[in-house]
Amino acid sequence: MGKTAFPRHILWSTDTLDLGDPWQRRWYIRQTLVYGRAEDIAALDWDEVREMLPELELPPEVRRLWESFFAERET
């Protein structure tokens, strides 16, 4: 995948991330769910987010939002 630049409202501590690295990918998804705009979040892979959700350290209100979102999609 290689290193990629991302918007500063999501990624402010470095210039690029390597989304091929599992840790960096997980961190990017977490940052996007917490700080991303609608277009940033819409670009995520929903299956990957749902699978990764239990291991992401999200603020409680953000976690509840995404858990509710995926629960509704499954019904």
Protein backbone atom coordinates (compact mmCIF):
# COMPACT_ATOMS: atom_id res chain seq x y z
CA MET A 1 0.00 0.00 0.00
CA GLY A 2 2.79 2.40 0.80
CA LYS A 3 2.73 5.62 2.72
CA THR A 4 -0.15 7.98 2.14
CA ALA A 5 -0.93 11.54 3.26
CA PHE A 6 -4.22 12.21 5.06
CA PRO A 7 -6.22 15.28 6.10
CA ARG A 8 -4.83 17.21 9.09
CA HIS A 9 -8.12 16.97 11.01
CA ILE A 10 -7.54 13.19 11.17
CA LEU A 11 -3.77 12.94 11.18
CA TRP A 12 -1.86 15.73 12.88
CA SER A 13 1.07 13.92 14.55
CA THR A 14 2.82 12.79 11.37
CA ASP A 15 2.75 13.52 7.66
CA THR A 16 1.99 10.03 6.39
CA LEU A 17 0.79 6.58 7.41
CA ASP A 18 1.45 3.15 5.97
CA LEU A 19 -1.99 1.52 5.84
CA GLY A 20 -0.30 -1.77 5.03
CA ASP A 21 0.89 -1.87 8.63
CA PRO A 22 -1.94 -3.34 10.78
CA TRP A 23 -1.24 -1.08 13.78
CA GLN A 24 -1.20 2.09 11.68
CA ARG A 25 -4.35 1.02 9.82
CA ARG A 26 -6.20 0.36 13.10
CA TRP A 27 -5.04 3.73 14.46
CA TYR A 28 -6.18 5.51 11.28
CA ILE A 29 -9.62 3.91 11.44
CA ARG A 30 -9.95 4.94 15.08
CA GLN A 31 -8.91 8.50 14.27
CA THR A 32 -11.37 8.63 11.39
CA LEU A 33 -14.29 7.36 13.49
CA VAL A 34 -13.54 9.93 16.19
CA TYR A 35 -12.38 12.97 14.18
CA GLY A 36 -13.37 12.31 10.58
CA ARG A 37 -15.90 14.24 8.55
CA ALA A 38 -18.77 12.51 6.79
CA GLU A 39 -16.77 12.05 3.60
CA ASP A 40 -13.82 10.57 5.53
CA ILE A 41 -16.03 8.09 7.34
CA ALA A 42 -17.94 7.18 4.18
CA ALA A 43 -14.66 6.17 2.53
CA LEU A 44 -13.94 3.47 5.15
CA ASP A 45 -14.51 -0.22 4.51
CA TRP A 46 -17.59 -0.94 6.68
CA ASP A 47 -16.85 -4.65 7.00
CA GLU A 48 -13.37 -3.85 8.24
CA VAL A 49 -14.68 -1.27 10.71
CA ARG A 50 -17.30 -3.70 12.10
CA GLU A 51 -14.68 -6.41 12.50
CA MET A 52 -12.17 -4.06 14.13
CA LEU A 53 -14.63 -2.19 16.38
CA PRO A 54 -14.18 -4.34 19.53
CA GLU A 55 -10.44 -3.72 19.61
CA LEU A 56 -10.54 0.05 18.98
CA GLU A 57 -10.09 2.29 22.00
CA LEU A 58 -12.94 4.69 21.33
CA PRO A 59 -14.53 7.22 23.68
CA PRO A 60 -17.67 5.60 25.20
CA GLU A 61 -20.14 7.81 23.32
CA VAL A 62 -18.40 7.14 19.99
CA ARG A 63 -18.33 3.39 20.69
CA ARG A 64 -22.07 3.37 21.48
CA LEU A 65 -22.81 5.26 18.29
CA TRP A 66 -20.95 2.77 16.09
CA GLU A 67 -22.21 -0.29 17.95
CA SER A 68 -25.78 1.00 17.48
CA PHE A 69 -25.11 1.73 13.83
CA PHE A 70 -23.90 -1.80 13.11
CA ALA A 71 -26.67 -3.39 15.21
CA GLU A 72 -29.28 -1.54 13.13
CA ARG A 73 -27.65 -2.61 9.87
CA GLU A 74 -27.89 -6.26 10.93
CA THR A 75 -31.66 -6.13 11.55
